[in-house]
Protein backbone atom coordinates (compact mmCIF):
# COMPACT_ATOMS: atom_id res chain seq x y z
CA UNK A 1 0.00 0.00 0.00
CA UNK A 2 1.35 3.42 -0.87
CA UNK A 3 1.79 6.06 1.83
CA UNK A 4 -0.54 8.38 -0.07
CA UNK A 5 -3.49 6.01 0.25
CA UNK A 6 -2.65 5.28 3.89
CA UNK A 7 -2.44 8.95 4.88
CA UNK A 8 -4.52 10.89 2.35
CA UNK A 9 -8.18 9.97 2.57
CA UNK A 10 -11.34 11.97 3.25
CA UNK A 11 -11.17 13.35 6.78
CA UNK A 12 -7.55 12.30 7.27
CA UNK A 13 -6.20 15.75 8.14
CA UNK A 14 -8.34 17.43 10.78
CA UNK A 15 -7.22 20.99 11.47
CA UNK A 16 -7.62 22.57 14.86
CA UNK A 17 -7.69 26.10 16.17
CA UNK A 18 -5.23 28.57 14.66
CA UNK A 19 -3.08 30.68 16.95
CA UNK A 20 -1.40 33.82 15.62
CA UNK A 21 2.37 33.37 15.37
CA UNK A 22 2.83 36.71 17.11
CA UNK A 23 1.62 35.06 20.33
CA UNK A 24 4.83 33.05 20.50
CA UNK A 25 8.18 34.61 21.44
CA UNK A 26 10.14 31.84 19.67
CA UNK A 27 8.43 29.65 17.07
CA UNK A 28 11.58 27.53 16.87
CA UNK A 29 10.94 26.26 20.42
CA UNK A 30 7.26 25.31 20.78
CA UNK A 31 5.99 22.30 22.72
CA UNK A 32 3.21 20.26 21.13
CA UNK A 33 1.47 17.03 22.05
CA UNK A 34 -1.34 14.67 21.15
CA UNK A 35 -3.48 12.70 23.59
CA UNK A 36 -5.57 9.73 22.49
CA UNK A 37 -8.26 8.68 24.96
CA UNK A 38 -6.54 10.72 27.68
CA UNK A 39 -3.10 9.16 27.16
CA UNK A 40 -0.21 11.16 25.69
CA UNK A 41 0.75 9.39 22.45
CA UNK A 42 2.93 12.03 20.79
CA UNK A 43 5.00 14.81 22.25
CA UNK A 44 7.62 17.04 20.71
CA UNK A 45 9.12 20.47 20.29
CA UNK A 46 9.73 22.45 17.12
CA UNK A 47 13.42 22.64 18.10
CA UNK A 48 13.62 18.90 17.29
CA UNK A 49 12.67 19.45 13.64
CA UNK A 50 15.40 18.73 11.07
CA UNK A 51 14.81 22.12 9.43
CA UNK A 52 13.55 25.38 10.91
CA UNK A 53 10.04 26.57 10.11
CA UNK A 54 11.42 29.49 8.08
CA UNK A 55 13.69 27.15 6.09
CA UNK A 56 10.77 24.86 5.27
CA UNK A 57 8.61 27.79 4.13
CA UNK A 58 11.46 29.15 2.02
CA UNK A 59 12.06 25.77 0.36
CA UNK A 60 8.39 24.98 -0.33
CA UNK A 61 7.77 28.46 -1.73
CA UNK A 62 10.25 27.71 -4.52
CA UNK A 63 7.76 25.19 -5.92
CA UNK A 64 4.33 26.41 -4.79
CA UNK A 65 2.69 29.79 -4.36
CA UNK A 66 1.97 30.06 -0.66
CA UNK A 67 -0.84 32.25 0.62
CA UNK A 68 -2.20 33.09 4.05
CA UNK A 69 -4.02 30.05 5.40
CA UNK A 70 -2.03 27.48 3.41
CA UNK A 71 -0.84 24.46 5.39
CA UNK A 72 2.50 22.69 5.10
CA UNK A 73 2.51 19.20 6.55
CA UNK A 74 5.84 17.97 7.92
CA UNK A 75 6.86 14.82 9.77
CA UNK A 76 5.57 13.66 13.12
CA UNK A 77 7.17 12.63 16.41
CA UNK A 78 7.19 8.99 17.52
CA UNK A 79 3.91 7.56 18.68
CA UNK A 80 2.04 7.07 15.41
CA UNK A 81 -0.39 4.18 15.66
CA UNK A 82 -3.73 2.83 14.59
CA UNK A 83 -6.96 4.65 15.36
CA UNK A 84 -10.42 3.27 16.03
CA UNK A 85 -14.03 4.39 16.07
CA UNK A 86 -14.75 6.43 19.24
CA UNK A 87 -11.10 7.34 19.86
CA UNK A 88 -10.86 10.81 21.40
CA UNK A 89 -8.01 13.01 20.16
CA UNK A 90 -6.85 16.17 21.90
CA UNK A 91 -3.92 18.20 20.54
CA UNK A 92 -2.02 20.92 22.37
CA UNK A 93 0.38 23.69 21.38
CA UNK A 94 2.30 25.31 24.22
CA UNK A 95 -0.22 23.79 26.63
CA UNK A 96 -3.23 25.31 24.86
CA UNK A 97 -5.75 22.87 23.41
CA UNK A 98 -6.02 23.39 19.66
CA UNK A 99 -7.95 20.28 18.65
CA UNK A 100 -10.65 18.13 20.27
CA UNK A 101 -11.90 15.37 18.00
CA UNK A 102 -13.81 12.10 18.37
CA UNK A 103 -13.43 9.52 15.60
CA UNK A 104 -16.76 8.50 14.05
PDB file of N, CA and C in Angstrom:
ATOM      1  N   UNK A   1       0.855  -1.182   0.000  1.00  0.00           N
ATOM      2  CA  UNK A   1       0.000   0.000   0.000  1.00  0.00           C
ATOM      3  C   UNK A   1       0.894   1.236   0.000  1.00  0.00           C
ATOM      4  N   UNK A   2       0.554   2.182  -0.819  1.00  0.00           N
ATOM      5  CA  UNK A   2       1.347   3.416  -0.872  1.00  0.00           C
ATOM      6  C   UNK A   2       1.042   4.292   0.329  1.00  0.00           C
ATOM      7  N   UNK A   3       2.001   5.138   0.713  1.00  0.00           N
ATOM      8  CA  UNK A   3       1.792   6.063   1.833  1.00  0.00           C
ATOM      9  C   UNK A   3       0.669   7.039   1.534  1.00  0.00           C
ATOM     10  N   UNK A   4       0.511   7.421   0.267  1.00  0.00           N
ATOM     11  CA  UNK A   4      -0.540   8.376  -0.067  1.00  0.00           C
ATOM     12  C   UNK A   4      -1.918   7.833   0.296  1.00  0.00           C
ATOM     13  N   UNK A   5      -2.181   6.591  -0.043  1.00  0.00           N
ATOM     14  CA  UNK A   5      -3.488   6.005   0.251  1.00  0.00           C
ATOM     15  C   UNK A   5      -3.663   5.781   1.745  1.00  0.00           C
ATOM     16  N   UNK A   6      -2.574   5.518   2.452  1.00  0.00           N
ATOM     17  CA  UNK A   6      -2.654   5.275   3.888  1.00  0.00           C
ATOM     18  C   UNK A   6      -2.862   6.566   4.666  1.00  0.00           C
ATOM     19  N   UNK A   7      -2.385   7.691   4.129  1.00  0.00           N
ATOM     20  CA  UNK A   7      -2.441   8.948   4.876  1.00  0.00           C
ATOM     21  C   UNK A   7      -3.365   9.995   4.275  1.00  0.00           C
ATOM     22  N   UNK A   8      -3.734   9.850   3.018  1.00  0.00           N
ATOM     23  CA  UNK A   8      -4.520  10.893   2.351  1.00  0.00           C
ATOM     24  C   UNK A   8      -5.880  10.339   1.934  1.00  0.00           C
ATOM     25  N   UNK A   9      -6.817  10.401   2.856  1.00  0.00           N
ATOM     26  CA  UNK A   9      -8.178   9.970   2.567  1.00  0.00           C
ATOM     27  C   UNK A   9      -9.125  11.001   3.163  1.00  0.00           C
ATOM     28  N   UNK A  10     -10.381  10.989   2.759  1.00  0.00           N
ATOM     29  CA  UNK A  10     -11.341  11.974   3.250  1.00  0.00           C
ATOM     30  C   UNK A  10     -11.331  12.004   4.776  1.00  0.00           C
ATOM     31  N   UNK A  11     -11.165  13.186   5.330  1.00  0.00           N
ATOM     32  CA  UNK A  11     -11.169  13.354   6.775  1.00  0.00           C
ATOM     33  C   UNK A  11      -9.859  13.008   7.458  1.00  0.00           C
ATOM     34  N   UNK A  12      -8.809  12.761   6.687  1.00  0.00           N
ATOM     35  CA  UNK A  12      -7.547  12.297   7.275  1.00  0.00           C
ATOM     36  C   UNK A  12      -6.686  13.407   7.857  1.00  0.00           C
ATOM     37  N   UNK A  13      -7.038  14.647   7.652  1.00  0.00           N
ATOM     38  CA  UNK A  13      -6.199  15.749   8.141  1.00  0.00           C
ATOM     39  C   UNK A  13      -7.045  16.785   8.871  1.00  0.00           C
ATOM     40  N   UNK A  14      -7.558  16.433  10.043  1.00  0.00           N
ATOM     41  CA  UNK A  14      -8.336  17.429  10.777  1.00  0.00           C
ATOM     42  C   UNK A  14      -7.440  18.591  11.186  1.00  0.00           C
ATOM     43  N   UNK A  15      -7.979  19.781  11.135  1.00  0.00           N
ATOM     44  CA  UNK A  15      -7.222  20.986  11.469  1.00  0.00           C
ATOM     45  C   UNK A  15      -7.888  21.640  12.664  1.00  0.00           C
ATOM     46  N   UNK A  16      -7.097  21.961  13.649  1.00  0.00           N
ATOM     47  CA  UNK A  16      -7.620  22.569  14.862  1.00  0.00           C
ATOM     48  C   UNK A  16      -7.585  24.083  14.818  1.00  0.00           C
ATOM     49  N   UNK A  17      -7.660  24.645  15.981  1.00  0.00           N
ATOM     50  CA  UNK A  17      -7.693  26.098  16.169  1.00  0.00           C
ATOM     51  C   UNK A  17      -6.358  26.721  15.761  1.00  0.00           C
ATOM     52  N   UNK A  18      -6.433  27.835  15.036  1.00  0.00           N
ATOM     53  CA  UNK A  18      -5.230  28.567  14.659  1.00  0.00           C
ATOM     54  C   UNK A  18      -4.872  29.552  15.762  1.00  0.00           C
ATOM     55  N   UNK A  19      -3.586  29.700  15.993  1.00  0.00           N
ATOM     56  CA  UNK A  19      -3.079  30.679  16.953  1.00  0.00           C
ATOM     57  C   UNK A  19      -2.110  31.576  16.197  1.00  0.00           C
ATOM     58  N   UNK A  20      -2.275  32.872  16.324  1.00  0.00           N
ATOM     59  CA  UNK A  20      -1.399  33.818  15.620  1.00  0.00           C
ATOM     60  C   UNK A  20       0.053  33.611  16.042  1.00  0.00           C
ATOM     61  N   UNK A  21       0.951  33.599  15.066  1.00  0.00           N
ATOM     62  CA  UNK A  21       2.366  33.366  15.372  1.00  0.00           C
ATOM     63  C   UNK A  21       2.942  34.444  16.278  1.00  0.00           C
ATOM     64  N   UNK A  22       2.344  35.623  16.267  1.00  0.00           N
ATOM     65  CA  UNK A  22       2.826  36.715  17.110  1.00  0.00           C
ATOM     66  C   UNK A  22       2.674  36.404  18.603  1.00  0.00           C
ATOM     67  N   UNK A  23       1.831  35.433  18.925  1.00  0.00           N
ATOM     68  CA  UNK A  23       1.623  35.057  20.327  1.00  0.00           C
ATOM     69  C   UNK A  23       2.860  34.366  20.910  1.00  0.00           C
ATOM     70  N   UNK A  24       3.693  33.834  20.049  1.00  0.00           N
ATOM     71  CA  UNK A  24       4.833  33.052  20.504  1.00  0.00           C
ATOM     72  C   UNK A  24       6.131  33.846  20.371  1.00  0.00           C
ATOM     73  N   UNK A  25       6.904  33.885  21.447  1.00  0.00           N
ATOM     74  CA  UNK A  25       8.176  34.608  21.439  1.00  0.00           C
ATOM     75  C   UNK A  25       9.184  33.921  20.514  1.00  0.00           C
ATOM     76  N   UNK A  26       9.157  32.582  20.455  1.00  0.00           N
ATOM     77  CA  UNK A  26      10.137  31.841  19.669  1.00  0.00           C
ATOM     78  C   UNK A  26       9.470  30.642  19.021  1.00  0.00           C
ATOM     79  N   UNK A  27       9.123  30.753  17.747  1.00  0.00           N
ATOM     80  CA  UNK A  27       8.430  29.654  17.066  1.00  0.00           C
ATOM     81  C   UNK A  27       9.347  28.458  16.823  1.00  0.00           C
ATOM     82  N   UNK A  28      10.638  28.640  17.049  1.00  0.00           N
ATOM     83  CA  UNK A  28      11.581  27.527  16.872  1.00  0.00           C
ATOM     84  C   UNK A  28      11.724  26.710  18.154  1.00  0.00           C
ATOM     85  N   UNK A  29      10.896  27.011  19.166  1.00  0.00           N
ATOM     86  CA  UNK A  29      10.944  26.263  20.424  1.00  0.00           C
ATOM     87  C   UNK A  29       9.536  26.195  21.024  1.00  0.00           C
ATOM     88  N   UNK A  30       8.651  25.452  20.339  1.00  0.00           N
ATOM     89  CA  UNK A  30       7.265  25.312  20.781  1.00  0.00           C
ATOM     90  C   UNK A  30       6.980  23.854  21.144  1.00  0.00           C
ATOM     91  N   UNK A  31       6.410  23.650  22.313  1.00  0.00           N
ATOM     92  CA  UNK A  31       5.995  22.304  22.717  1.00  0.00           C
ATOM     93  C   UNK A  31       4.648  21.973  22.085  1.00  0.00           C
ATOM     94  N   UNK A  32       4.495  20.730  21.645  1.00  0.00           N
ATOM     95  CA  UNK A  32       3.215  20.259  21.129  1.00  0.00           C
ATOM     96  C   UNK A  32       3.014  18.817  21.551  1.00  0.00           C
ATOM     97  N   UNK A  33       1.752  18.406  21.651  1.00  0.00           N
ATOM     98  CA  UNK A  33       1.472  17.029  22.054  1.00  0.00           C
ATOM     99  C   UNK A  33       0.110  16.590  21.545  1.00  0.00           C
ATOM    100  N   UNK A  34      -0.081  15.269  21.554  1.00  0.00           N
ATOM    101  CA  UNK A  34      -1.344  14.666  21.149  1.00  0.00           C
ATOM    102  C   UNK A  34      -1.721  13.613  22.169  1.00  0.00           C
ATOM    103  N   UNK A  35      -2.932  13.723  22.698  1.00  0.00           N
ATOM    104  CA  UNK A  35      -3.480  12.702  23.587  1.00  0.00           C
ATOM    105  C   UNK A  35      -4.536  11.913  22.835  1.00  0.00           C
ATOM    106  N   UNK A  36      -4.536  10.607  23.046  1.00  0.00           N
ATOM    107  CA  UNK A  36      -5.568   9.735  22.493  1.00  0.00           C
ATOM    108  C   UNK A  36      -6.216   9.033  23.683  1.00  0.00           C
ATOM    109  N   UNK A  37      -7.506   9.263  23.845  1.00  0.00           N
ATOM    110  CA  UNK A  37      -8.256   8.684  24.959  1.00  0.00           C
ATOM    111  C   UNK A  37      -7.610   9.019  26.307  1.00  0.00           C
ATOM    112  N   UNK A  38      -7.110  10.257  26.425  1.00  0.00           N
ATOM    113  CA  UNK A  38      -6.541  10.722  27.678  1.00  0.00           C
ATOM    114  C   UNK A  38      -5.096  10.336  27.925  1.00  0.00           C
ATOM    115  N   UNK A  39      -4.487   9.593  27.014  1.00  0.00           N
ATOM    116  CA  UNK A  39      -3.096   9.156  27.163  1.00  0.00           C
ATOM    117  C   UNK A  39      -2.218   9.880  26.144  1.00  0.00           C
ATOM    118  N   UNK A  40      -1.118  10.468  26.607  1.00  0.00           N
ATOM    119  CA  UNK A  40      -0.206  11.157  25.686  1.00  0.00           C
ATOM    120  C   UNK A  40       0.434  10.133  24.755  1.00  0.00           C
ATOM    121  N   UNK A  41       0.213  10.303  23.459  1.00  0.00           N
ATOM    122  CA  UNK A  41       0.754   9.385  22.450  1.00  0.00           C
ATOM    123  C   UNK A  41       1.914  10.011  21.680  1.00  0.00           C
ATOM    124  N   UNK A  42       1.869  11.331  21.501  1.00  0.00           N
ATOM    125  CA  UNK A  42       2.928  12.030  20.789  1.00  0.00           C
ATOM    126  C   UNK A  42       3.260  13.307  21.545  1.00  0.00           C
ATOM    127  N   UNK A  43       4.555  13.614  21.576  1.00  0.00           N
ATOM    128  CA  UNK A  43       5.003  14.814  22.254  1.00  0.00           C
ATOM    129  C   UNK A  43       6.292  15.253  21.581  1.00  0.00           C
ATOM    130  N   UNK A  44       6.420  16.557  21.352  1.00  0.00           N
ATOM    131  CA  UNK A  44       7.624  17.044  20.707  1.00  0.00           C
ATOM    132  C   UNK A  44       7.787  18.537  20.900  1.00  0.00           C
ATOM    133  N   UNK A  45       8.822  19.045  20.252  1.00  0.00           N
ATOM    134  CA  UNK A  45       9.121  20.470  20.286  1.00  0.00           C
ATOM    135  C   UNK A  45       9.652  20.848  18.916  1.00  0.00           C
ATOM    136  N   UNK A  46       9.287  22.030  18.449  1.00  0.00           N
ATOM    137  CA  UNK A  46       9.730  22.451  17.120  1.00  0.00           C
ATOM    138  C   UNK A  46      11.251  22.523  17.014  1.00  0.00           C
ATOM    139  N   UNK A  47      11.945  22.614  18.137  1.00  0.00           N
ATOM    140  CA  UNK A  47      13.416  22.640  18.101  1.00  0.00           C
ATOM    141  C   UNK A  47      13.984  21.300  17.647  1.00  0.00           C
ATOM    142  N   UNK A  48      13.180  20.236  17.693  1.00  0.00           N
ATOM    143  CA  UNK A  48      13.623  18.902  17.290  1.00  0.00           C
ATOM    144  C   UNK A  48      13.457  18.657  15.789  1.00  0.00           C
ATOM    145  N   UNK A  49      12.868  19.616  15.084  1.00  0.00           N
ATOM    146  CA  UNK A  49      12.672  19.446  13.635  1.00  0.00           C
ATOM    147  C   UNK A  49      14.019  19.497  12.924  1.00  0.00           C
ATOM    148  N   UNK A  50      14.150  18.749  11.833  1.00  0.00           N
ATOM    149  CA  UNK A  50      15.403  18.734  11.070  1.00  0.00           C
ATOM    150  C   UNK A  50      15.707  20.093  10.459  1.00  0.00           C
ATOM    151  N   UNK A  51      14.660  20.799  10.047  1.00  0.00           N
ATOM    152  CA  UNK A  51      14.810  22.117   9.432  1.00  0.00           C
ATOM    153  C   UNK A  51      13.922  23.107  10.171  1.00  0.00           C
ATOM    154  N   UNK A  52      14.347  24.355  10.243  1.00  0.00           N
ATOM    155  CA  UNK A  52      13.548  25.376  10.910  1.00  0.00           C
ATOM    156  C   UNK A  52      12.279  25.645  10.111  1.00  0.00           C
ATOM    157  N   UNK A  53      11.300  26.226  10.779  1.00  0.00           N
ATOM    158  CA  UNK A  53      10.041  26.567  10.113  1.00  0.00           C
ATOM    159  C   UNK A  53      10.295  27.514   8.948  1.00  0.00           C
ATOM    160  N   UNK A  54      11.124  28.529   9.156  1.00  0.00           N
ATOM    161  CA  UNK A  54      11.420  29.485   8.078  1.00  0.00           C
ATOM    162  C   UNK A  54      12.102  28.807   6.898  1.00  0.00           C
ATOM    163  N   UNK A  55      13.005  27.868   7.170  1.00  0.00           N
ATOM    164  CA  UNK A  55      13.694  27.145   6.094  1.00  0.00           C
ATOM    165  C   UNK A  55      12.703  26.313   5.286  1.00  0.00           C
ATOM    166  N   UNK A  56      11.776  25.665   5.963  1.00  0.00           N
ATOM    167  CA  UNK A  56      10.766  24.856   5.272  1.00  0.00           C
ATOM    168  C   UNK A  56       9.895  25.738   4.387  1.00  0.00           C
ATOM    169  N   UNK A  57       9.441  26.871   4.920  1.00  0.00           N
ATOM    170  CA  UNK A  57       8.609  27.789   4.129  1.00  0.00           C
ATOM    171  C   UNK A  57       9.384  28.297   2.924  1.00  0.00           C
ATOM    172  N   UNK A  58      10.634  28.663   3.125  1.00  0.00           N
ATOM    173  CA  UNK A  58      11.463  29.155   2.017  1.00  0.00           C
ATOM    174  C   UNK A  58      11.610  28.093   0.934  1.00  0.00           C
ATOM    175  N   UNK A  59      11.871  26.855   1.335  1.00  0.00           N
ATOM    176  CA  UNK A  59      12.056  25.769   0.362  1.00  0.00           C
ATOM    177  C   UNK A  59      10.765  25.485  -0.403  1.00  0.00           C
ATOM    178  N   UNK A  60       9.666  25.312   0.313  1.00  0.00           N
ATOM    179  CA  UNK A  60       8.390  24.978  -0.327  1.00  0.00           C
ATOM    180  C   UNK A  60       7.945  26.083  -1.279  1.00  0.00           C
ATOM    181  N   UNK A  61       8.218  27.330  -0.901  1.00  0.00           N
ATOM    182  CA  UNK A  61       7.771  28.458  -1.727  1.00  0.00           C
ATOM    183  C   UNK A  61       8.504  28.543  -3.067  1.00  0.00           C
ATOM    184  N   UNK A  62       9.570  27.774  -3.223  1.00  0.00           N
ATOM    185  CA  UNK A  62      10.245  27.709  -4.523  1.00  0.00           C
ATOM    186  C   UNK A  62       9.410  26.933  -5.542  1.00  0.00           C
ATOM    187  N   UNK A  63       8.515  26.089  -5.055  1.00  0.00           N
ATOM    188  CA  UNK A  63       7.755  25.191  -5.923  1.00  0.00           C
ATOM    189  C   UNK A  63       6.259  25.484  -5.949  1.00  0.00           C
ATOM    190  N   UNK A  64       5.753  26.139  -4.901  1.00  0.00           N
ATOM    191  CA  UNK A  64       4.330  26.415  -4.785  1.00  0.00           C
ATOM    192  C   UNK A  64       4.131  27.856  -4.349  1.00  0.00           C
ATOM    193  N   UNK A  65       3.060  28.468  -4.844  1.00  0.00           N
ATOM    194  CA  UNK A  65       2.690  29.787  -4.359  1.00  0.00           C
ATOM    195  C   UNK A  65       1.985  29.603  -3.026  1.00  0.00           C
ATOM    196  N   UNK A  66       2.555  30.169  -1.987  1.00  0.00           N
ATOM    197  CA  UNK A  66       1.967  30.062  -0.655  1.00  0.00           C
ATOM    198  C   UNK A  66       1.182  31.325  -0.336  1.00  0.00           C
ATOM    199  N   UNK A  67       0.012  31.127   0.231  1.00  0.00           N
ATOM    200  CA  UNK A  67      -0.841  32.252   0.623  1.00  0.00           C
ATOM    201  C   UNK A  67      -1.267  32.071   2.072  1.00  0.00           C
ATOM    202  N   UNK A  68      -1.727  33.148   2.675  1.00  0.00           N
ATOM    203  CA  UNK A  68      -2.196  33.090   4.053  1.00  0.00           C
ATOM    204  C   UNK A  68      -3.253  31.990   4.175  1.00  0.00           C
ATOM    205  N   UNK A  69      -3.083  31.149   5.166  1.00  0.00           N
ATOM    206  CA  UNK A  69      -4.018  30.048   5.399  1.00  0.00           C
ATOM    207  C   UNK A  69      -3.567  28.727   4.827  1.00  0.00           C
ATOM    208  N   UNK A  70      -2.551  28.741   3.945  1.00  0.00           N
ATOM    209  CA  UNK A  70      -2.030  27.481   3.412  1.00  0.00           C
ATOM    210  C   UNK A  70      -1.379  26.673   4.534  1.00  0.00           C
ATOM    211  N   UNK A  71      -1.430  25.361   4.409  1.00  0.00           N
ATOM    212  CA  UNK A  71      -0.838  24.463   5.395  1.00  0.00           C
ATOM    213  C   UNK A  71       0.301  23.696   4.762  1.00  0.00           C
ATOM    214  N   UNK A  72       1.374  23.520   5.516  1.00  0.00           N
ATOM    215  CA  UNK A  72       2.500  22.687   5.098  1.00  0.00           C
ATOM    216  C   UNK A  72       2.599  21.554   6.114  1.00  0.00           C
ATOM    217  N   UNK A  73       2.431  20.347   5.665  1.00  0.00           N
ATOM    218  CA  UNK A  73       2.514  19.195   6.554  1.00  0.00           C
ATOM    219  C   UNK A  73       3.953  18.686   6.567  1.00  0.00           C
ATOM    220  N   UNK A  74       4.482  18.484   7.767  1.00  0.00           N
ATOM    221  CA  UNK A  74       5.839  17.967   7.922  1.00  0.00           C
ATOM    222  C   UNK A  74       5.751  16.591   8.566  1.00  0.00           C
ATOM    223  N   UNK A  75       6.842  16.118   9.107  1.00  0.00           N
ATOM    224  CA  UNK A  75       6.864  14.817   9.773  1.00  0.00           C
ATOM    225  C   UNK A  75       6.122  14.850  11.095  1.00  0.00           C
ATOM    226  N   UNK A  76       6.284  13.795  11.854  1.00  0.00           N
ATOM    227  CA  UNK A  76       5.571  13.660  13.116  1.00  0.00           C
ATOM    228  C   UNK A  76       6.479  12.983  14.129  1.00  0.00           C
ATOM    229  N   UNK A  77       6.341  13.313  15.406  1.00  0.00           N
ATOM    230  CA  UNK A  77       7.167  12.631  16.415  1.00  0.00           C
ATOM    231  C   UNK A  77       6.726  11.187  16.593  1.00  0.00           C
ATOM    232  N   UNK A  78       7.542  10.402  17.287  1.00  0.00           N
ATOM    233  CA  UNK A  78       7.193   8.992  17.518  1.00  0.00           C
ATOM    234  C   UNK A  78       5.857   8.909  18.231  1.00  0.00           C
ATOM    235  N   UNK A  79       5.199   7.779  18.039  1.00  0.00           N
ATOM    236  CA  UNK A  79       3.910   7.563  18.678  1.00  0.00           C
ATOM    237  C   UNK A  79       2.770   7.333  17.706  1.00  0.00           C
ATOM    238  N   UNK A  80       3.071   7.313  16.416  1.00  0.00           N
ATOM    239  CA  UNK A  80       2.035   7.070  15.409  1.00  0.00           C
ATOM    240  C   UNK A  80       1.501   5.649  15.598  1.00  0.00           C
ATOM    241  N   UNK A  81       0.194   5.500  15.503  1.00  0.00           N
ATOM    242  CA  UNK A  81      -0.393   4.178  15.662  1.00  0.00           C
ATOM    243  C   UNK A  81      -1.773   4.123  15.060  1.00  0.00           C
ATOM    244  N   UNK A  82      -2.390   2.980  15.154  1.00  0.00           N
ATOM    245  CA  UNK A  82      -3.734   2.825  14.593  1.00  0.00           C
ATOM    246  C   UNK A  82      -4.755   3.634  15.375  1.00  0.00           C
ATOM    247  N   UNK A  83      -5.850   3.958  14.711  1.00  0.00           N
ATOM    248  CA  UNK A  83      -6.960   4.649  15.356  1.00  0.00           C
ATOM    249  C   UNK A  83      -8.209   3.787  15.217  1.00  0.00           C
ATOM    250  N   UNK A  84      -9.195   4.066  16.059  1.00  0.00           N
ATOM    251  CA  UNK A  84     -10.424   3.271  16.029  1.00  0.00           C
ATOM    252  C   UNK A  84     -11.624   4.178  16.247  1.00  0.00           C
ATOM    253  N   UNK A  85     -12.772   3.687  15.824  1.00  0.00           N
ATOM    254  CA  UNK A  85     -14.031   4.391  16.066  1.00  0.00           C
ATOM    255  C   UNK A  85     -14.121   4.711  17.567  1.00  0.00           C
ATOM    256  N   UNK A  86     -14.571   5.914  17.876  1.00  0.00           N
ATOM    257  CA  UNK A  86     -14.753   6.425  19.240  1.00  0.00           C
ATOM    258  C   UNK A  86     -13.463   6.868  19.925  1.00  0.00           C
ATOM    259  N   UNK A  87     -12.309   6.780  19.267  1.00  0.00           N
ATOM    260  CA  UNK A  87     -11.098   7.343  19.856  1.00  0.00           C
ATOM    261  C   UNK A  87     -11.288   8.846  20.007  1.00  0.00           C
ATOM    262  N   UNK A  88     -10.749   9.383  21.097  1.00  0.00           N
ATOM    263  CA  UNK A  88     -10.864  10.806  21.396  1.00  0.00           C
ATOM    264  C   UNK A  88      -9.470  11.421  21.325  1.00  0.00           C
ATOM    265  N   UNK A  89      -9.287  12.347  20.390  1.00  0.00           N
ATOM    266  CA  UNK A  89      -8.005  13.013  20.161  1.00  0.00           C
ATOM    267  C   UNK A  89      -8.052  14.434  20.707  1.00  0.00           C
ATOM    268  N   UNK A  90      -7.009  14.803  21.426  1.00  0.00           N
ATOM    269  CA  UNK A  90      -6.852  16.174  21.898  1.00  0.00           C
ATOM    270  C   UNK A  90      -5.416  16.596  21.618  1.00  0.00           C
ATOM    271  N   UNK A  91      -5.256  17.699  20.894  1.00  0.00           N
ATOM    272  CA  UNK A  91      -3.923  18.200  20.538  1.00  0.00           C
ATOM    273  C   UNK A  91      -3.666  19.519  21.237  1.00  0.00           C
ATOM    274  N   UNK A  92      -2.407  19.734  21.609  1.00  0.00           N
ATOM    275  CA  UNK A  92      -2.024  20.920  22.367  1.00  0.00           C
ATOM    276  C   UNK A  92      -0.797  21.577  21.745  1.00  0.00           C
ATOM    277  N   UNK A  93      -0.773  22.892  21.791  1.00  0.00           N
ATOM    278  CA  UNK A  93       0.383  23.687  21.376  1.00  0.00           C
ATOM    279  C   UNK A  93       0.703  24.640  22.513  1.00  0.00           C
ATOM    280  N   UNK A  94       1.887  24.496  23.063  1.00  0.00           N
ATOM    281  CA  UNK A  94       2.298  25.306  24.221  1.00  0.00           C
ATOM    282  C   UNK A  94       1.263  25.225  25.343  1.00  0.00           C
ATOM    283  N   UNK A  95       0.728  24.021  25.556  1.00  0.00           N
ATOM    284  CA  UNK A  95      -0.217  23.786  26.633  1.00  0.00           C
ATOM    285  C   UNK A  95      -1.647  24.205  26.343  1.00  0.00           C
ATOM    286  N   UNK A  96      -1.875  24.875  25.222  1.00  0.00           N
ATOM    287  CA  UNK A  96      -3.228  25.309  24.857  1.00  0.00           C
ATOM    288  C   UNK A  96      -3.863  24.292  23.916  1.00  0.00           C
ATOM    289  N   UNK A  97      -5.068  23.851  24.264  1.00  0.00           N
ATOM    290  CA  UNK A  97      -5.747  22.874  23.412  1.00  0.00           C
ATOM    291  C   UNK A  97      -6.123  23.522  22.083  1.00  0.00           C
ATOM    292  N   UNK A  98      -5.719  22.878  20.997  1.00  0.00           N
ATOM    293  CA  UNK A  98      -6.019  23.395  19.661  1.00  0.00           C
ATOM    294  C   UNK A  98      -6.902  22.449  18.848  1.00  0.00           C
ATOM    295  N   UNK A  99      -7.124  21.233  19.364  1.00  0.00           N
ATOM    296  CA  UNK A  99      -7.948  20.276  18.651  1.00  0.00           C
ATOM    297  C   UNK A  99      -8.609  19.339  19.661  1.00  0.00           C
ATOM    298  N   UNK A 100      -9.887  19.068  19.456  1.00  0.00           N
ATOM    299  CA  UNK A 100     -10.646  18.133  20.275  1.00  0.00           C
ATOM    300  C   UNK A 100     -11.550  17.384  19.311  1.00  0.00           C
ATOM    301  N   UNK A 101     -11.260  16.104  19.080  1.00  0.00           N
ATOM    302  CA  UNK A 101     -11.905  15.368  18.001  1.00  0.00           C
ATOM    303  C   UNK A 101     -12.225  13.938  18.431  1.00  0.00           C
ATOM    304  N   UNK A 102     -13.433  13.491  18.129  1.00  0.00           N
ATOM    305  CA  UNK A 102     -13.805  12.099  18.366  1.00  0.00           C
ATOM    306  C   UNK A 102     -13.986  11.409  17.023  1.00  0.00           C
ATOM    307  N   UNK A 103     -13.367  10.281  16.860  1.00  0.00           N
ATOM    308  CA  UNK A 103     -13.433   9.518  15.605  1.00  0.00           C
ATOM    309  C   UNK A 103     -14.801   8.850  15.466  1.00  0.00           C
ATOM    310  N   UNK A 104     -15.433   9.067  14.305  1.00  0.00           N
ATOM    311  CA  UNK A 104     -16.757   8.497  14.045  1.00  0.00           C
ATOM    312  C   UNK A 104     -16.676   7.419  13.000  1.00  0.00           C
TER     313      UNK A 104
END
